[in-house]
Amino acid sequence: MLLEIPSIPIRSSVKYIELISAIVGTIYFYKYKHTFLKYFLVILWYTAVNEFTCYFLRKYGIVANNLIIYNIFHLINFSFLFLLFNRFLKVEKHKRLTSVFLLIYVSSFFINMIFENYLERVQTIPFFIAAILLIVSIVFYFSKLLKSNEVLSVKTNLLFWISVGYLLYLSGNLPIRVIRNYYLEEVRLEYILEFSSILSIILNICFIIGFICGKKDKQQQY
């Protein structure tokens, strides 16, 4: 007899790990408040509040669905991440490309409104575009690290842990999005959501490690 995976407890724990991540980020804010990373804390709190808001809206049946809230969240979150990596990249060509990536994503988000109702469906093509382009941006950042002395102290660099977290999260979520949108009838949704929740937990654990292990003098001042 196969054991059933406790999917609901794992999914419900995501909002709590996001809250813990924001709290830890606040505690260690002094380490990176002198850098552009200080705005990352705003995104963390926005993420946590957004998740709890959606949870209570669903629980008490205040709205039929909260997909528009998630769509707006993705727009804000992805846009910030492109700005973040653009800020820290030193190769001028890479900085220009990340600016173009941001423009491509935002344009795709609004153009896609013609084909998808964001009140009833989570964005698909814009998410794929943003995820792929953000992964490329992270690769740009890692390539810069490997060619500099900063590679010797990456474990104490908050942006390194943010990059690792998003690289794992996005790489894992790309196939999940494909399955959810095009092969949902062939798989059980609960298992897809389960794995996506695990990726979210890993993402926030990377943030927490970065906050705790990061050293103030190792944060890039841009």
N, C-alpha and C. Protein backbone atom coordinates (compact mmCIF):
# COMPACT_ATOMS: atom_id res chain seq x y z
N MET A 1 0.85 -1.20 0.00
CA MET A 1 0.00 0.00 0.00
C MET A 1 0.88 1.25 0.00
N LEU A 2 0.60 2.17 -0.94
CA LEU A 2 1.41 3.38 -1.05
C LEU A 2 1.01 4.40 0.01
N LEU A 3 2.01 5.03 0.56
CA LEU A 3 1.73 6.08 1.55
C LEU A 3 1.35 7.36 0.83
N GLU A 4 0.35 8.05 1.32
CA GLU A 4 -0.05 9.31 0.72
C GLU A 4 0.84 10.43 1.24
N ILE A 5 1.22 11.31 0.34
CA ILE A 5 2.07 12.44 0.72
C ILE A 5 1.21 13.50 1.40
N PRO A 6 1.62 13.99 2.58
CA PRO A 6 0.83 14.99 3.29
C PRO A 6 0.96 16.35 2.62
N SER A 7 0.28 16.53 1.50
CA SER A 7 0.46 17.73 0.69
C SER A 7 -0.09 19.00 1.34
N ILE A 8 -1.23 18.86 2.01
CA ILE A 8 -1.86 20.06 2.57
C ILE A 8 -0.99 20.73 3.64
N PRO A 9 -0.43 19.98 4.62
CA PRO A 9 0.44 20.63 5.62
C PRO A 9 1.63 21.34 5.00
N ILE A 10 2.25 20.75 3.97
CA ILE A 10 3.40 21.38 3.33
C ILE A 10 2.98 22.66 2.62
N ARG A 11 1.88 22.62 1.89
CA ARG A 11 1.42 23.81 1.18
C ARG A 11 1.07 24.93 2.15
N SER A 12 0.43 24.56 3.26
CA SER A 12 0.00 25.58 4.21
C SER A 12 1.18 26.17 4.99
N SER A 13 2.32 25.49 4.99
CA SER A 13 3.47 25.98 5.74
C SER A 13 4.25 27.04 4.98
N VAL A 14 3.99 27.17 3.69
CA VAL A 14 4.76 28.12 2.87
C VAL A 14 4.63 29.54 3.39
N LYS A 15 3.40 29.95 3.70
CA LYS A 15 3.20 31.32 4.16
C LYS A 15 3.94 31.60 5.46
N TYR A 16 4.11 30.57 6.28
CA TYR A 16 4.82 30.76 7.55
C TYR A 16 6.32 30.88 7.34
N ILE A 17 6.88 30.10 6.43
CA ILE A 17 8.31 30.22 6.16
C ILE A 17 8.61 31.55 5.48
N GLU A 18 7.65 32.06 4.71
CA GLU A 18 7.82 33.38 4.10
C GLU A 18 7.80 34.47 5.17
N LEU A 19 6.93 34.31 6.16
CA LEU A 19 6.88 35.26 7.26
C LEU A 19 8.17 35.21 8.08
N ILE A 20 8.66 34.00 8.35
CA ILE A 20 9.91 33.84 9.10
C ILE A 20 11.06 34.47 8.33
N SER A 21 11.08 34.28 7.03
CA SER A 21 12.13 34.86 6.19
C SER A 21 12.13 36.38 6.30
N ALA A 22 10.94 36.98 6.27
CA ALA A 22 10.83 38.44 6.38
C ALA A 22 11.28 38.92 7.76
N ILE A 23 10.93 38.17 8.80
CA ILE A 23 11.32 38.54 10.16
C ILE A 23 12.83 38.45 10.34
N VAL A 24 13.43 37.35 9.84
CA VAL A 24 14.89 37.19 9.94
C VAL A 24 15.58 38.29 9.14
N GLY A 25 15.03 38.61 7.96
CA GLY A 25 15.59 39.69 7.16
C GLY A 25 15.55 41.03 7.88
N THR A 26 14.51 41.24 8.67
CA THR A 26 14.39 42.47 9.45
C THR A 26 15.41 42.50 10.59
N ILE A 27 15.59 41.36 11.24
CA ILE A 27 16.56 41.27 12.35
C ILE A 27 17.97 41.59 11.87
N TYR A 28 18.32 41.10 10.69
CA TYR A 28 19.68 41.28 10.17
C TYR A 28 19.76 42.42 9.14
N PHE A 29 18.77 43.31 9.18
CA PHE A 29 18.72 44.41 8.22
C PHE A 29 19.98 45.28 8.26
N TYR A 30 20.59 45.40 9.43
CA TYR A 30 21.77 46.25 9.58
C TYR A 30 22.93 45.79 8.69
N LYS A 31 22.92 44.54 8.27
CA LYS A 31 24.01 44.01 7.46
C LYS A 31 23.98 44.52 6.03
N TYR A 32 22.80 44.84 5.54
CA TYR A 32 22.70 45.20 4.12
C TYR A 32 21.91 46.49 3.87
N LYS A 33 21.62 47.23 4.92
CA LYS A 33 20.82 48.44 4.78
C LYS A 33 21.53 49.52 3.98
N HIS A 34 22.85 49.38 3.82
CA HIS A 34 23.63 50.36 3.08
C HIS A 34 23.69 50.03 1.59
N THR A 35 22.98 48.99 1.16
CA THR A 35 23.00 48.57 -0.24
C THR A 35 21.60 48.57 -0.83
N PHE A 36 21.52 48.33 -2.14
CA PHE A 36 20.23 48.26 -2.83
C PHE A 36 19.40 47.09 -2.32
N LEU A 37 20.07 46.13 -1.67
CA LEU A 37 19.38 44.96 -1.14
C LEU A 37 18.38 45.31 -0.04
N LYS A 38 18.46 46.53 0.47
CA LYS A 38 17.52 46.93 1.51
C LYS A 38 16.08 46.88 1.00
N TYR A 39 15.91 47.08 -0.31
CA TYR A 39 14.56 47.03 -0.89
C TYR A 39 14.05 45.60 -1.01
N PHE A 40 14.97 44.65 -0.93
CA PHE A 40 14.57 43.24 -0.98
C PHE A 40 13.71 42.89 0.23
N LEU A 41 13.99 43.53 1.36
CA LEU A 41 13.20 43.29 2.56
C LEU A 41 11.74 43.72 2.34
N VAL A 42 11.54 44.79 1.59
CA VAL A 42 10.18 45.24 1.28
C VAL A 42 9.45 44.16 0.49
N ILE A 43 10.16 43.56 -0.46
CA ILE A 43 9.57 42.49 -1.27
C ILE A 43 9.21 41.28 -0.41
N LEU A 44 10.08 40.96 0.56
CA LEU A 44 9.81 39.82 1.44
C LEU A 44 8.55 40.04 2.26
N TRP A 45 8.41 41.24 2.81
CA TRP A 45 7.21 41.53 3.60
C TRP A 45 5.97 41.58 2.71
N TYR A 46 6.12 42.11 1.54
CA TYR A 46 5.01 42.13 0.58
C TYR A 46 4.58 40.71 0.24
N THR A 47 5.56 39.82 0.05
CA THR A 47 5.27 38.42 -0.26
C THR A 47 4.49 37.76 0.87
N ALA A 48 4.96 37.95 2.10
CA ALA A 48 4.31 37.34 3.26
C ALA A 48 2.89 37.88 3.45
N VAL A 49 2.74 39.19 3.38
CA VAL A 49 1.41 39.80 3.55
C VAL A 49 0.48 39.35 2.43
N ASN A 50 1.02 39.29 1.22
CA ASN A 50 0.22 38.86 0.07
C ASN A 50 -0.28 37.43 0.26
N GLU A 51 0.59 36.55 0.77
CA GLU A 51 0.23 35.14 0.95
C GLU A 51 -0.84 34.99 2.05
N PHE A 52 -0.68 35.70 3.15
CA PHE A 52 -1.67 35.62 4.23
C PHE A 52 -3.00 36.24 3.80
N THR A 53 -2.94 37.32 3.02
CA THR A 53 -4.16 37.95 2.52
C THR A 53 -4.94 36.99 1.64
N CYS A 54 -4.24 36.33 0.72
CA CYS A 54 -4.90 35.36 -0.16
C CYS A 54 -5.48 34.20 0.64
N TYR A 55 -4.76 33.80 1.66
CA TYR A 55 -5.22 32.69 2.50
C TYR A 55 -6.54 33.03 3.18
N PHE A 56 -6.61 34.20 3.79
CA PHE A 56 -7.83 34.59 4.50
C PHE A 56 -8.98 34.88 3.54
N LEU A 57 -8.66 35.41 2.36
CA LEU A 57 -9.72 35.65 1.36
C LEU A 57 -10.34 34.34 0.92
N ARG A 58 -9.49 33.29 0.78
CA ARG A 58 -10.00 31.97 0.40
C ARG A 58 -10.78 31.34 1.55
N LYS A 59 -10.19 31.43 2.74
CA LYS A 59 -10.77 30.75 3.90
C LYS A 59 -12.17 31.25 4.22
N TYR A 60 -12.36 32.57 4.14
CA TYR A 60 -13.65 33.14 4.52
C TYR A 60 -14.55 33.44 3.31
N GLY A 61 -14.12 32.99 2.13
CA GLY A 61 -14.94 33.13 0.94
C GLY A 61 -15.27 34.57 0.58
N ILE A 62 -14.35 35.47 0.84
CA ILE A 62 -14.58 36.89 0.57
C ILE A 62 -14.60 37.16 -0.94
N VAL A 63 -13.75 36.43 -1.66
CA VAL A 63 -13.72 36.58 -3.12
C VAL A 63 -13.82 35.19 -3.75
N ALA A 64 -14.28 35.16 -5.00
CA ALA A 64 -14.42 33.88 -5.70
C ALA A 64 -13.06 33.25 -5.96
N ASN A 65 -12.09 34.07 -6.35
CA ASN A 65 -10.72 33.61 -6.50
C ASN A 65 -9.79 34.80 -6.32
N ASN A 66 -8.53 34.53 -6.07
CA ASN A 66 -7.58 35.61 -5.81
C ASN A 66 -6.44 35.63 -6.83
N LEU A 67 -6.73 35.14 -8.03
CA LEU A 67 -5.69 35.03 -9.06
C LEU A 67 -5.13 36.39 -9.48
N ILE A 68 -5.97 37.40 -9.48
CA ILE A 68 -5.49 38.73 -9.87
C ILE A 68 -4.43 39.23 -8.88
N ILE A 69 -4.58 38.85 -7.61
CA ILE A 69 -3.61 39.25 -6.60
C ILE A 69 -2.26 38.61 -6.88
N TYR A 70 -2.27 37.34 -7.26
CA TYR A 70 -1.02 36.63 -7.58
C TYR A 70 -0.41 37.18 -8.86
N ASN A 71 -1.24 37.53 -9.83
CA ASN A 71 -0.72 38.08 -11.08
C ASN A 71 -0.02 39.41 -10.87
N ILE A 72 -0.62 40.25 -10.03
CA ILE A 72 0.01 41.54 -9.70
C ILE A 72 1.30 41.30 -8.93
N PHE A 73 1.27 40.31 -8.03
CA PHE A 73 2.48 39.98 -7.27
C PHE A 73 3.61 39.57 -8.19
N HIS A 74 3.34 38.71 -9.15
CA HIS A 74 4.38 38.26 -10.08
C HIS A 74 4.96 39.45 -10.86
N LEU A 75 4.09 40.35 -11.27
CA LEU A 75 4.55 41.53 -12.02
C LEU A 75 5.52 42.35 -11.19
N ILE A 76 5.16 42.62 -9.94
CA ILE A 76 6.01 43.43 -9.05
C ILE A 76 7.28 42.69 -8.69
N ASN A 77 7.16 41.41 -8.35
CA ASN A 77 8.31 40.63 -7.89
C ASN A 77 9.34 40.44 -9.00
N PHE A 78 8.91 40.01 -10.17
CA PHE A 78 9.83 39.82 -11.28
C PHE A 78 10.49 41.13 -11.70
N SER A 79 9.70 42.20 -11.74
CA SER A 79 10.25 43.50 -12.12
C SER A 79 11.35 43.93 -11.16
N PHE A 80 11.11 43.73 -9.87
CA PHE A 80 12.13 44.09 -8.88
C PHE A 80 13.39 43.25 -9.06
N LEU A 81 13.23 41.96 -9.30
CA LEU A 81 14.39 41.09 -9.43
C LEU A 81 15.26 41.47 -10.62
N PHE A 82 14.63 41.86 -11.73
CA PHE A 82 15.42 42.32 -12.88
C PHE A 82 16.18 43.59 -12.52
N LEU A 83 15.54 44.49 -11.79
CA LEU A 83 16.21 45.72 -11.35
C LEU A 83 17.35 45.40 -10.39
N LEU A 84 17.13 44.41 -9.52
CA LEU A 84 18.14 44.03 -8.55
C LEU A 84 19.41 43.53 -9.23
N PHE A 85 19.27 42.60 -10.14
CA PHE A 85 20.46 42.07 -10.81
C PHE A 85 21.10 43.10 -11.73
N ASN A 86 20.28 43.93 -12.34
CA ASN A 86 20.82 45.01 -13.16
C ASN A 86 21.70 45.93 -12.32
N ARG A 87 21.30 46.14 -11.09
CA ARG A 87 22.03 47.03 -10.18
C ARG A 87 23.41 46.46 -9.83
N PHE A 88 23.51 45.15 -9.67
CA PHE A 88 24.74 44.55 -9.18
C PHE A 88 25.66 44.01 -10.28
N LEU A 89 25.16 43.90 -11.50
CA LEU A 89 26.01 43.43 -12.59
C LEU A 89 26.99 44.53 -12.98
N LYS A 90 28.22 44.15 -13.25
CA LYS A 90 29.25 45.12 -13.58
C LYS A 90 29.56 45.19 -15.07
N VAL A 91 29.30 44.09 -15.78
CA VAL A 91 29.54 44.08 -17.23
C VAL A 91 28.45 44.90 -17.90
N GLU A 92 28.84 45.94 -18.62
CA GLU A 92 27.87 46.86 -19.21
C GLU A 92 26.90 46.16 -20.15
N LYS A 93 27.39 45.20 -20.91
CA LYS A 93 26.53 44.45 -21.83
C LYS A 93 25.44 43.71 -21.06
N HIS A 94 25.81 43.12 -19.94
CA HIS A 94 24.86 42.38 -19.12
C HIS A 94 23.83 43.32 -18.49
N LYS A 95 24.26 44.50 -18.08
CA LYS A 95 23.35 45.48 -17.50
C LYS A 95 22.32 45.91 -18.54
N ARG A 96 22.77 46.14 -19.77
CA ARG A 96 21.85 46.54 -20.83
C ARG A 96 20.85 45.42 -21.13
N LEU A 97 21.34 44.19 -21.13
CA LEU A 97 20.46 43.06 -21.41
C LEU A 97 19.39 42.88 -20.35
N THR A 98 19.77 43.02 -19.07
CA THR A 98 18.76 42.88 -18.01
C THR A 98 17.71 43.99 -18.09
N SER A 99 18.11 45.16 -18.56
CA SER A 99 17.14 46.24 -18.77
C SER A 99 16.16 45.86 -19.88
N VAL A 100 16.69 45.26 -20.93
CA VAL A 100 15.85 44.78 -22.03
C VAL A 100 14.94 43.64 -21.55
N PHE A 101 15.50 42.76 -20.70
CA PHE A 101 14.71 41.65 -20.15
C PHE A 101 13.50 42.18 -19.40
N LEU A 102 13.72 43.22 -18.59
CA LEU A 102 12.63 43.81 -17.83
C LEU A 102 11.55 44.36 -18.77
N LEU A 103 11.98 45.04 -19.81
CA LEU A 103 11.04 45.61 -20.78
C LEU A 103 10.25 44.51 -21.49
N ILE A 104 10.95 43.43 -21.84
CA ILE A 104 10.29 42.32 -22.53
C ILE A 104 9.23 41.69 -21.62
N TYR A 105 9.59 41.48 -20.36
CA TYR A 105 8.64 40.85 -19.44
C TYR A 105 7.42 41.72 -19.21
N VAL A 106 7.63 42.99 -18.88
CA VAL A 106 6.50 43.89 -18.60
C VAL A 106 5.60 44.00 -19.83
N SER A 107 6.22 44.08 -21.01
CA SER A 107 5.43 44.17 -22.25
C SER A 107 4.61 42.90 -22.44
N SER A 108 5.25 41.75 -22.21
CA SER A 108 4.53 40.47 -22.38
C SER A 108 3.37 40.35 -21.39
N PHE A 109 3.57 40.88 -20.19
CA PHE A 109 2.51 40.82 -19.18
C PHE A 109 1.26 41.54 -19.65
N PHE A 110 1.43 42.75 -20.19
CA PHE A 110 0.26 43.54 -20.60
C PHE A 110 -0.30 43.06 -21.94
N ILE A 111 0.57 42.62 -22.84
CA ILE A 111 0.08 42.10 -24.12
C ILE A 111 -0.72 40.82 -23.90
N ASN A 112 -0.25 40.01 -22.96
CA ASN A 112 -0.92 38.74 -22.69
C ASN A 112 -2.32 38.92 -22.11
N MET A 113 -2.62 40.12 -21.60
CA MET A 113 -3.96 40.39 -21.08
C MET A 113 -5.01 40.28 -22.18
N ILE A 114 -4.58 40.40 -23.42
CA ILE A 114 -5.51 40.28 -24.55
C ILE A 114 -5.99 38.84 -24.69
N PHE A 115 -5.10 37.91 -24.31
CA PHE A 115 -5.38 36.49 -24.52
C PHE A 115 -5.80 35.76 -23.24
N GLU A 116 -5.42 36.28 -22.09
CA GLU A 116 -5.75 35.63 -20.82
C GLU A 116 -6.43 36.62 -19.88
N ASN A 117 -7.45 36.16 -19.22
CA ASN A 117 -8.15 36.97 -18.23
C ASN A 117 -7.45 36.76 -16.89
N TYR A 118 -6.73 37.78 -16.41
CA TYR A 118 -5.96 37.64 -15.18
C TYR A 118 -6.84 37.54 -13.94
N LEU A 119 -8.15 37.73 -14.11
CA LEU A 119 -9.07 37.52 -13.00
C LEU A 119 -9.40 36.04 -12.83
N GLU A 120 -9.19 35.28 -13.89
CA GLU A 120 -9.59 33.87 -13.87
C GLU A 120 -8.42 32.91 -14.11
N ARG A 121 -7.26 33.43 -14.49
CA ARG A 121 -6.14 32.55 -14.85
C ARG A 121 -4.82 33.19 -14.45
N VAL A 122 -3.92 32.38 -13.92
CA VAL A 122 -2.58 32.86 -13.60
C VAL A 122 -1.79 33.00 -14.89
N GLN A 123 -1.03 34.07 -15.00
CA GLN A 123 -0.26 34.30 -16.22
C GLN A 123 0.62 33.09 -16.56
N THR A 124 0.69 32.78 -17.84
CA THR A 124 1.48 31.63 -18.28
C THR A 124 2.70 32.05 -19.07
N ILE A 125 2.50 32.52 -20.29
CA ILE A 125 3.63 32.90 -21.15
C ILE A 125 4.51 33.96 -20.48
N PRO A 126 3.95 35.01 -19.87
CA PRO A 126 4.80 36.00 -19.20
C PRO A 126 5.65 35.37 -18.09
N PHE A 127 5.09 34.40 -17.37
CA PHE A 127 5.86 33.73 -16.33
C PHE A 127 7.03 32.97 -16.93
N PHE A 128 6.79 32.24 -18.02
CA PHE A 128 7.88 31.50 -18.68
C PHE A 128 8.97 32.46 -19.14
N ILE A 129 8.56 33.56 -19.74
CA ILE A 129 9.52 34.55 -20.24
C ILE A 129 10.35 35.11 -19.09
N ALA A 130 9.67 35.52 -18.02
CA ALA A 130 10.36 36.12 -16.87
C ALA A 130 11.31 35.11 -16.22
N ALA A 131 10.85 33.87 -16.05
CA ALA A 131 11.67 32.85 -15.39
C ALA A 131 12.94 32.57 -16.19
N ILE A 132 12.80 32.39 -17.49
CA ILE A 132 13.95 32.09 -18.34
C ILE A 132 14.93 33.25 -18.36
N LEU A 133 14.41 34.46 -18.53
CA LEU A 133 15.28 35.64 -18.59
C LEU A 133 15.94 35.93 -17.23
N LEU A 134 15.24 35.63 -16.16
CA LEU A 134 15.83 35.84 -14.84
C LEU A 134 16.93 34.81 -14.57
N ILE A 135 16.73 33.59 -15.02
CA ILE A 135 17.77 32.57 -14.89
C ILE A 135 19.02 33.01 -15.65
N VAL A 136 18.83 33.58 -16.83
CA VAL A 136 19.96 34.10 -17.61
C VAL A 136 20.66 35.22 -16.83
N SER A 137 19.88 36.09 -16.20
CA SER A 137 20.45 37.17 -15.41
C SER A 137 21.27 36.64 -14.24
N ILE A 138 20.78 35.58 -13.61
CA ILE A 138 21.50 34.96 -12.50
C ILE A 138 22.81 34.34 -12.99
N VAL A 139 22.77 33.74 -14.18
CA VAL A 139 24.00 33.19 -14.77
C VAL A 139 25.00 34.30 -15.03
N PHE A 140 24.53 35.45 -15.49
CA PHE A 140 25.41 36.61 -15.66
C PHE A 140 26.11 36.95 -14.35
N TYR A 141 25.31 36.96 -13.27
CA TYR A 141 25.85 37.30 -11.95
C TYR A 141 26.88 36.28 -11.49
N PHE A 142 26.58 35.00 -11.67
CA PHE A 142 27.52 33.95 -11.26
C PHE A 142 28.80 34.02 -12.08
N SER A 143 28.69 34.32 -13.36
CA SER A 143 29.88 34.41 -14.21
C SER A 143 30.77 35.57 -13.74
N LYS A 144 30.13 36.62 -13.25
CA LYS A 144 30.90 37.75 -12.72
C LYS A 144 31.61 37.35 -11.43
N LEU A 145 30.92 36.60 -10.59
CA LEU A 145 31.52 36.14 -9.34
C LEU A 145 32.75 35.27 -9.59
N LEU A 146 32.64 34.35 -10.54
CA LEU A 146 33.73 33.41 -10.82
C LEU A 146 34.98 34.10 -11.34
N LYS A 147 34.81 35.29 -11.89
CA LYS A 147 35.94 36.01 -12.46
C LYS A 147 36.49 37.08 -11.51
N SER A 148 36.01 37.08 -10.29
CA SER A 148 36.45 38.09 -9.33
C SER A 148 36.88 37.45 -8.02
N ASN A 149 37.48 38.27 -7.15
CA ASN A 149 37.91 37.78 -5.83
C ASN A 149 36.72 37.52 -4.91
N GLU A 150 35.54 38.01 -5.30
CA GLU A 150 34.35 37.84 -4.47
C GLU A 150 33.97 36.37 -4.33
N VAL A 151 34.44 35.53 -5.26
CA VAL A 151 34.09 34.11 -5.22
C VAL A 151 34.62 33.44 -3.95
N LEU A 152 35.65 34.04 -3.34
CA LEU A 152 36.25 33.48 -2.13
C LEU A 152 35.37 33.70 -0.89
N SER A 153 34.41 34.61 -1.01
CA SER A 153 33.56 34.90 0.16
C SER A 153 32.07 34.85 -0.19
N VAL A 154 31.72 34.01 -1.15
CA VAL A 154 30.32 33.96 -1.58
C VAL A 154 29.36 33.52 -0.46
N LYS A 155 29.85 32.69 0.45
CA LYS A 155 28.99 32.18 1.51
C LYS A 155 28.50 33.28 2.45
N THR A 156 29.21 34.39 2.47
CA THR A 156 28.82 35.50 3.34
C THR A 156 28.19 36.64 2.55
N ASN A 157 27.85 36.35 1.30
CA ASN A 157 27.25 37.35 0.41
C ASN A 157 25.76 37.07 0.25
N LEU A 158 24.92 37.97 0.72
CA LEU A 158 23.46 37.77 0.69
C LEU A 158 22.95 37.58 -0.73
N LEU A 159 23.44 38.36 -1.67
CA LEU A 159 22.94 38.25 -3.04
C LEU A 159 23.25 36.87 -3.63
N PHE A 160 24.34 36.27 -3.22
CA PHE A 160 24.67 34.92 -3.69
C PHE A 160 23.57 33.95 -3.28
N TRP A 161 23.13 34.01 -2.04
CA TRP A 161 22.09 33.09 -1.54
C TRP A 161 20.74 33.39 -2.19
N ILE A 162 20.46 34.67 -2.43
CA ILE A 162 19.23 35.03 -3.14
C ILE A 162 19.25 34.42 -4.54
N SER A 163 20.41 34.51 -5.19
CA SER A 163 20.57 33.98 -6.55
C SER A 163 20.42 32.47 -6.57
N VAL A 164 21.04 31.79 -5.63
CA VAL A 164 20.93 30.32 -5.55
C VAL A 164 19.47 29.92 -5.34
N GLY A 165 18.80 30.62 -4.43
CA GLY A 165 17.40 30.31 -4.15
C GLY A 165 16.52 30.44 -5.38
N TYR A 166 16.65 31.55 -6.09
CA TYR A 166 15.81 31.77 -7.27
C TYR A 166 16.20 30.86 -8.43
N LEU A 167 17.46 30.52 -8.54
CA LEU A 167 17.88 29.59 -9.60
C LEU A 167 17.22 28.23 -9.40
N LEU A 168 17.22 27.74 -8.16
CA LEU A 168 16.58 26.46 -7.86
C LEU A 168 15.06 26.55 -8.03
N TYR A 169 14.49 27.63 -7.50
CA TYR A 169 13.04 27.81 -7.53
C TYR A 169 12.51 27.92 -8.95
N LEU A 170 13.13 28.75 -9.77
CA LEU A 170 12.64 28.96 -11.13
C LEU A 170 12.90 27.76 -12.01
N SER A 171 14.07 27.13 -11.86
CA SER A 171 14.39 25.94 -12.66
C SER A 171 13.40 24.82 -12.38
N GLY A 172 12.97 24.71 -11.13
CA GLY A 172 12.00 23.68 -10.77
C GLY A 172 10.58 24.03 -11.15
N ASN A 173 10.27 25.31 -11.13
CA ASN A 173 8.89 25.73 -11.40
C ASN A 173 8.55 25.81 -12.89
N LEU A 174 9.55 25.94 -13.74
CA LEU A 174 9.27 26.00 -15.17
C LEU A 174 8.54 24.74 -15.66
N PRO A 175 9.06 23.55 -15.39
CA PRO A 175 8.32 22.35 -15.81
C PRO A 175 6.98 22.20 -15.09
N ILE A 176 6.91 22.67 -13.85
CA ILE A 176 5.65 22.60 -13.10
C ILE A 176 4.58 23.43 -13.79
N ARG A 177 4.95 24.62 -14.24
CA ARG A 177 3.99 25.48 -14.94
C ARG A 177 3.51 24.85 -16.24
N VAL A 178 4.43 24.19 -16.94
CA VAL A 178 4.06 23.51 -18.18
C VAL A 178 3.04 22.42 -17.89
N ILE A 179 3.30 21.63 -16.85
CA ILE A 179 2.39 20.53 -16.48
C ILE A 179 1.04 21.07 -16.04
N ARG A 180 1.05 22.12 -15.21
CA ARG A 180 -0.21 22.68 -14.69
C ARG A 180 -1.08 23.23 -15.81
N ASN A 181 -0.45 23.80 -16.84
CA ASN A 181 -1.21 24.47 -17.88
C ASN A 181 -1.56 23.58 -19.07
N TYR A 182 -0.75 22.55 -19.30
CA TYR A 182 -0.96 21.77 -20.51
C TYR A 182 -1.16 20.27 -20.30
N TYR A 183 -0.79 19.76 -19.12
CA TYR A 183 -0.91 18.32 -18.90
C TYR A 183 -1.62 18.01 -17.59
N LEU A 184 -2.46 18.91 -17.13
CA LEU A 184 -3.09 18.77 -15.82
C LEU A 184 -3.99 17.53 -15.75
N GLU A 185 -4.62 17.17 -16.87
CA GLU A 185 -5.53 16.03 -16.87
C GLU A 185 -4.80 14.70 -16.68
N GLU A 186 -3.47 14.71 -16.91
CA GLU A 186 -2.69 13.48 -16.84
C GLU A 186 -2.00 13.31 -15.49
N VAL A 187 -2.05 14.31 -14.64
CA VAL A 187 -1.40 14.22 -13.33
C VAL A 187 -2.36 14.71 -12.25
N ARG A 188 -2.00 14.45 -11.00
CA ARG A 188 -2.82 14.92 -9.87
C ARG A 188 -2.29 16.27 -9.42
N LEU A 189 -3.18 17.26 -9.37
CA LEU A 189 -2.79 18.62 -9.05
C LEU A 189 -2.12 18.72 -7.68
N GLU A 190 -2.56 17.90 -6.72
CA GLU A 190 -2.02 18.00 -5.37
C GLU A 190 -0.52 17.74 -5.32
N TYR A 191 -0.05 16.82 -6.18
CA TYR A 191 1.37 16.51 -6.19
C TYR A 191 2.18 17.64 -6.85
N ILE A 192 1.58 18.27 -7.85
CA ILE A 192 2.23 19.41 -8.50
C ILE A 192 2.37 20.56 -7.52
N LEU A 193 1.29 20.86 -6.80
CA LEU A 193 1.32 21.93 -5.82
C LEU A 193 2.27 21.60 -4.67
N GLU A 194 2.34 20.32 -4.35
CA GLU A 194 3.24 19.87 -3.29
C GLU A 194 4.69 20.21 -3.62
N PHE A 195 5.11 19.85 -4.82
CA PHE A 195 6.49 20.08 -5.24
C PHE A 195 6.78 21.58 -5.35
N SER A 196 5.81 22.34 -5.84
CA SER A 196 5.98 23.79 -5.95
C SER A 196 6.15 24.41 -4.56
N SER A 197 5.42 23.89 -3.58
CA SER A 197 5.53 24.39 -2.21
C SER A 197 6.91 24.08 -1.63
N ILE A 198 7.42 22.90 -1.94
CA ILE A 198 8.76 22.52 -1.47
C ILE A 198 9.81 23.48 -2.04
N LEU A 199 9.65 23.84 -3.31
CA LEU A 199 10.57 24.79 -3.93
C LEU A 199 10.50 26.16 -3.26
N SER A 200 9.28 26.57 -2.87
CA SER A 200 9.12 27.85 -2.17
C SER A 200 9.81 27.82 -0.82
N ILE A 201 9.71 26.69 -0.14
CA ILE A 201 10.37 26.54 1.16
C ILE A 201 11.88 26.59 1.00
N ILE A 202 12.41 25.90 -0.01
CA ILE A 202 13.86 25.92 -0.28
C ILE A 202 14.31 27.34 -0.59
N LEU A 203 13.51 28.05 -1.38
CA LEU A 203 13.83 29.44 -1.74
C LEU A 203 14.00 30.29 -0.49
N ASN A 204 13.05 30.20 0.42
CA ASN A 204 13.11 31.03 1.62
C ASN A 204 14.18 30.57 2.61
N ILE A 205 14.50 29.29 2.61
CA ILE A 205 15.60 28.80 3.44
C ILE A 205 16.91 29.41 2.95
N CYS A 206 17.06 29.53 1.64
CA CYS A 206 18.26 30.18 1.07
C CYS A 206 18.33 31.64 1.53
N PHE A 207 17.19 32.33 1.54
CA PHE A 207 17.18 33.71 2.03
C PHE A 207 17.64 33.77 3.48
N ILE A 208 17.09 32.90 4.29
CA ILE A 208 17.40 32.89 5.72
C ILE A 208 18.88 32.62 5.95
N ILE A 209 19.43 31.66 5.21
CA ILE A 209 20.87 31.36 5.33
C ILE A 209 21.68 32.60 4.97
N GLY A 210 21.27 33.27 3.90
CA GLY A 210 21.97 34.48 3.48
C GLY A 210 21.94 35.57 4.53
N PHE A 211 20.79 35.76 5.17
CA PHE A 211 20.68 36.78 6.22
C PHE A 211 21.56 36.44 7.42
N ILE A 212 21.56 35.18 7.81
CA ILE A 212 22.30 34.78 9.01
C ILE A 212 23.80 34.72 8.75
N CYS A 213 24.19 34.13 7.62
CA CYS A 213 25.62 33.94 7.32
C CYS A 213 26.27 35.16 6.68
N GLY A 214 25.46 36.04 6.14
CA GLY A 214 26.01 37.22 5.48
C GLY A 214 26.76 38.13 6.45
N LYS A 215 27.83 38.72 5.95
CA LYS A 215 28.61 39.66 6.74
C LYS A 215 28.46 41.06 6.15
N LYS A 216 28.37 42.03 7.03
CA LYS A 216 28.10 43.40 6.60
C LYS A 216 29.13 43.89 5.60
N ASP A 217 30.42 43.60 5.85
CA ASP A 217 31.46 44.12 4.98
C ASP A 217 31.59 43.34 3.66
N LYS A 218 30.79 42.25 3.50
CA LYS A 218 30.84 41.47 2.27
C LYS A 218 29.69 41.80 1.32
N GLN A 219 28.80 42.68 1.75
CA GLN A 219 27.67 43.04 0.89
C GLN A 219 28.11 44.15 -0.06
N GLN A 220 27.81 43.95 -1.35
CA GLN A 220 28.23 44.92 -2.35
C GLN A 220 27.43 46.21 -2.20
N GLN A 221 28.12 47.32 -2.23
CA GLN A 221 27.46 48.60 -1.99
C GLN A 221 27.09 49.27 -3.30
N TYR A 222 25.96 48.84 -3.84
CA TYR A 222 25.45 49.44 -5.08
C TYR A 222 24.02 49.90 -4.88
